[in-house]
Amino acid sequence: MSRIISFNSADKADVVAFLGAAGNLTSDQERNLGVMRELAQARQLDLDHQGIDWGLSIPDALDHLIAGHADSDAEYAAAAYYSALQLIIDRNGSDPDELGVYSKPSTFFGLLDDELRRLGVSADLLLHDYLFSGPPEEIPFHIPYPVDGPHIGMFPLAKAKPAADAYRAVLDRMDDGFTYDVQALIEKLDVEHESWEYGMKNLDWYTQDTLFFSLKG
């Protein structure tokens, strides 16, 4: 099954602030949560129409996360929790963009890492492990990992330019099977860096520090 990889930028602390914050949300957070609940219901209706039952609804999973736990014993509860967490990320982040559609993203980015490593790119700029890193470690409770997805990954915005520059420097020596995807990746990293740099220099309210990846079937 092909996987769609999308991404947006957000302040990781803003995302984490919702987890376990029931009863202590600010008025702005409460309004944002209201939108999240509407989106969770819409996503659940879509799953219902597809005949997909995770044993835990996305609205209930969202309520669990806000309350500070993810302890449902439903067989596929992890998928509901990650879907709910993605809603929290999306409502605290920029408009999403699409990285691409991959039939086997773990395999592709693993091979790409090998190619970039062969060409001398630093290990901390290779994408595979970031794509599959999971949610922020700062979340104050354990969220189970959905083996079959959806998945969440993170990449520091401060590394967007170093990664783009490193990939660009070896593009002409790269195996032809990777060049198209890497060129597109460079362009997207350049745009994200420019937005991050502008925000940090010119916008008092801007605190975004993380690219969040979403991998969905």
Protein backbone atom coordinates (compact mmCIF):
# COMPACT_ATOMS: atom_id res chain seq x y z
CA MET A 1 0.00 0.00 0.00
CA SER A 2 1.31 3.45 -0.89
CA ARG A 3 1.93 5.90 1.91
CA ILE A 4 1.38 9.65 1.68
CA ILE A 5 3.99 11.70 3.53
CA SER A 6 2.90 15.23 4.42
CA PHE A 7 4.45 17.74 6.78
CA ASN A 8 3.94 21.05 8.51
CA SER A 9 5.87 23.22 10.95
CA ALA A 10 4.91 23.89 14.55
CA ASP A 11 6.24 24.77 17.97
CA LYS A 12 6.75 21.40 19.65
CA ALA A 13 5.98 22.93 23.04
CA ASP A 14 2.58 24.12 21.80
CA VAL A 15 1.71 20.57 20.79
CA VAL A 16 2.93 19.03 24.04
CA ALA A 17 1.03 21.66 26.05
CA PHE A 18 -2.31 20.05 25.11
CA LEU A 19 -1.36 16.59 26.36
CA GLY A 20 -2.70 16.10 29.87
CA ALA A 21 -3.90 19.69 30.08
CA ALA A 22 -7.60 19.01 30.76
CA GLY A 23 -9.00 21.63 33.11
CA ASN A 24 -6.01 23.91 32.62
CA LEU A 25 -6.40 25.03 29.03
CA THR A 26 -6.34 28.71 28.16
CA SER A 27 -9.31 30.25 26.35
CA ASP A 28 -7.38 30.11 23.06
CA GLN A 29 -6.54 26.46 23.63
CA GLU A 30 -10.17 25.70 24.46
CA ARG A 31 -11.27 27.25 21.15
CA ASN A 32 -8.59 25.31 19.32
CA LEU A 33 -9.69 22.10 21.03
CA GLY A 34 -13.26 22.72 19.88
CA VAL A 35 -12.04 22.72 16.27
CA MET A 36 -9.99 19.59 16.92
CA ARG A 37 -13.09 17.80 18.21
CA GLU A 38 -15.01 18.73 15.07
CA LEU A 39 -12.16 17.45 12.90
CA ALA A 40 -11.91 14.28 14.98
CA GLN A 41 -15.61 13.60 14.46
CA ALA A 42 -15.29 14.18 10.72
CA ARG A 43 -12.32 11.82 10.52
CA GLN A 44 -14.21 9.20 12.49
CA LEU A 45 -17.20 9.43 10.15
CA ASP A 46 -14.83 8.85 7.24
CA LEU A 47 -13.47 5.72 8.94
CA ASP A 48 -17.01 4.53 9.66
CA HIS A 49 -17.94 4.92 5.99
CA GLN A 50 -14.91 2.79 5.10
CA GLY A 51 -15.93 0.13 7.61
CA ILE A 52 -12.77 0.63 9.67
CA ASP A 53 -13.13 -0.01 13.40
CA TRP A 54 -10.11 0.61 15.62
CA GLY A 55 -12.03 -0.23 18.79
CA LEU A 56 -11.53 3.36 19.99
CA SER A 57 -12.99 6.38 18.22
CA ILE A 58 -10.77 9.30 17.31
CA PRO A 59 -12.91 11.75 19.36
CA ASP A 60 -12.53 9.50 22.42
CA ALA A 61 -8.81 9.12 21.74
CA LEU A 62 -8.50 12.91 21.61
CA ASP A 63 -10.28 13.22 24.95
CA HIS A 64 -7.92 10.62 26.44
CA LEU A 65 -4.85 12.56 25.29
CA ILE A 66 -6.16 15.83 26.67
CA ALA A 67 -6.96 14.08 29.95
CA GLY A 68 -3.39 12.74 30.10
CA HIS A 69 -3.57 9.06 29.28
CA ALA A 70 -3.55 6.65 26.35
CA ASP A 71 -4.45 3.39 28.06
CA SER A 72 -7.26 1.91 25.98
CA ASP A 73 -6.86 -1.85 25.57
CA ALA A 74 -8.57 -1.87 22.17
CA GLU A 75 -6.49 -3.82 19.63
CA TYR A 76 -5.97 -0.87 17.29
CA ALA A 77 -6.23 1.96 19.81
CA ALA A 78 -2.73 3.14 18.91
CA ALA A 79 -3.94 4.16 15.46
CA ALA A 80 -6.73 6.24 17.03
CA TYR A 81 -4.30 7.89 19.44
CA TYR A 82 -1.83 8.79 16.69
CA SER A 83 -4.67 10.14 14.52
CA ALA A 84 -5.87 12.30 17.40
CA LEU A 85 -2.33 13.49 18.09
CA GLN A 86 -1.96 14.42 14.43
CA LEU A 87 -5.01 16.65 14.78
CA ILE A 88 -3.35 18.43 17.71
CA ILE A 89 -0.19 18.91 15.64
CA ASP A 90 -2.11 20.18 12.63
CA ARG A 91 -4.15 22.69 14.62
CA ASN A 92 -0.96 24.10 16.15
CA GLY A 93 1.03 24.14 12.94
CA SER A 94 1.27 25.67 9.51
CA ASP A 95 -0.77 24.57 6.53
CA PRO A 96 0.38 21.07 5.51
CA ASP A 97 2.41 20.34 2.41
CA GLU A 98 3.02 17.00 0.72
CA LEU A 99 6.47 15.45 0.56
CA GLY A 100 5.36 12.69 -1.77
CA VAL A 101 3.71 9.31 -2.19
CA TYR A 102 5.90 6.25 -1.61
CA SER A 103 5.04 2.58 -1.98
CA LYS A 104 7.57 1.62 0.73
CA PRO A 105 8.78 4.80 2.45
CA SER A 106 10.90 3.05 5.08
CA THR A 107 12.73 1.09 2.39
CA PHE A 108 13.16 4.11 0.10
CA PHE A 109 14.46 6.47 2.78
CA GLY A 110 16.66 3.74 4.23
CA LEU A 111 18.31 3.29 0.84
CA LEU A 112 18.52 7.05 0.39
CA ASP A 113 20.27 7.33 3.76
CA ASP A 114 22.77 4.70 2.59
CA GLU A 115 23.42 6.66 -0.61
CA LEU A 116 23.84 9.99 1.18
CA ARG A 117 26.07 8.38 3.80
CA ARG A 118 28.23 6.93 1.01
CA LEU A 119 28.60 10.44 -0.40
CA GLY A 120 29.70 11.85 2.96
CA VAL A 121 26.51 13.47 4.30
CA SER A 122 26.51 13.69 8.09
CA ALA A 123 24.41 11.07 9.87
CA ASP A 124 22.42 13.71 11.77
CA LEU A 125 21.05 15.06 8.47
CA LEU A 126 19.73 11.72 7.17
CA LEU A 127 15.93 11.59 7.13
CA HIS A 128 14.83 7.99 7.74
CA ASP A 129 15.01 7.98 11.53
CA TYR A 130 13.40 11.42 11.75
CA LEU A 131 10.47 10.30 9.58
CA PHE A 132 9.77 7.42 11.95
CA SER A 133 10.85 9.09 15.20
CA GLY A 134 7.41 9.08 16.76
CA PRO A 135 5.86 11.91 18.83
CA PRO A 136 7.76 14.28 21.14
CA GLU A 137 9.55 12.65 24.05
CA GLU A 138 8.32 15.50 26.23
CA ILE A 139 4.77 14.07 26.24
CA PRO A 140 4.26 13.17 29.92
CA PHE A 141 2.75 9.73 29.32
CA HIS A 142 3.21 6.79 26.98
CA ILE A 143 1.30 6.65 23.69
CA PRO A 144 1.35 3.18 22.11
CA TYR A 145 2.97 2.82 18.70
CA PRO A 146 0.69 1.82 15.80
CA VAL A 147 2.64 -0.83 13.89
CA ASP A 148 0.52 -0.41 10.77
CA GLY A 149 0.33 3.39 11.00
CA PRO A 150 -0.48 6.18 10.84
CA HIS A 151 3.00 7.33 11.83
CA ILE A 152 4.46 10.61 13.04
CA GLY A 153 7.99 11.95 12.64
CA MET A 154 9.89 15.11 13.57
CA PHE A 155 12.84 17.04 12.14
CA PRO A 156 14.34 20.19 13.73
CA LEU A 157 13.72 23.26 11.60
CA ALA A 158 17.23 24.43 12.43
CA LYS A 159 18.54 21.52 10.36
CA ALA A 160 16.50 22.29 7.24
CA LYS A 161 19.18 24.46 5.62
CA PRO A 162 22.16 22.27 6.60
CA ALA A 163 20.32 19.24 5.20
CA ALA A 164 19.33 21.01 1.97
CA ASP A 165 22.88 22.29 1.46
CA ALA A 166 24.40 18.87 2.15
CA TYR A 167 22.03 17.13 -0.29
CA ARG A 168 22.61 19.81 -2.93
CA ALA A 169 26.38 19.42 -2.67
CA VAL A 170 26.24 15.72 -3.62
CA LEU A 171 23.29 15.78 -6.03
CA ASP A 172 25.43 15.48 -9.15
CA ARG A 173 27.19 12.38 -7.75
CA MET A 174 24.06 10.64 -6.58
CA ASP A 175 22.56 7.51 -8.12
CA ASP A 176 20.05 8.61 -10.77
CA GLY A 177 17.27 6.71 -9.01
CA PHE A 178 17.30 9.26 -6.17
CA THR A 179 17.93 12.58 -7.89
CA TYR A 180 14.34 13.56 -8.70
CA ASP A 181 13.08 12.91 -5.16
CA VAL A 182 16.09 14.56 -3.54
CA GLN A 183 15.81 17.66 -5.74
CA ALA A 184 12.17 18.01 -4.67
CA LEU A 185 13.18 17.48 -1.04
CA ILE A 186 15.88 20.16 -1.29
CA GLU A 187 13.35 22.65 -2.64
CA LYS A 188 10.91 21.97 0.19
CA LEU A 189 13.64 22.23 2.85
CA ASP A 190 14.77 25.53 1.33
CA VAL A 191 11.23 26.92 1.58
CA GLU A 192 10.85 25.75 5.18
CA HIS A 193 14.17 27.30 6.14
CA GLU A 194 13.28 30.62 4.53
CA SER A 195 9.94 30.70 6.38
CA TRP A 196 11.61 29.75 9.67
CA GLU A 197 14.38 32.33 9.24
CA TYR A 198 11.89 35.08 8.37
CA GLY A 199 9.67 34.22 11.31
CA MET A 200 12.53 34.13 13.81
CA LYS A 201 13.83 37.52 12.66
CA ASN A 202 10.62 39.43 12.04
CA LEU A 203 7.68 37.98 14.00
CA ASP A 204 7.55 38.41 17.77
CA TRP A 205 4.98 35.62 18.14
CA TYR A 206 6.83 33.08 15.97
CA THR A 207 8.22 30.11 17.91
CA GLN A 208 7.99 27.21 15.45
CA ASP A 209 10.95 24.87 15.80
CA THR A 210 9.94 21.50 14.34
CA LEU A 211 8.88 19.92 11.08
CA PHE A 212 6.24 17.29 11.84
CA PHE A 213 5.84 14.48 9.31
CA SER A 214 2.65 12.48 8.89
CA LEU A 215 2.74 9.09 7.14
CA LYS A 216 -0.66 7.75 6.22
CA GLY A 217 -1.85 4.85 4.09
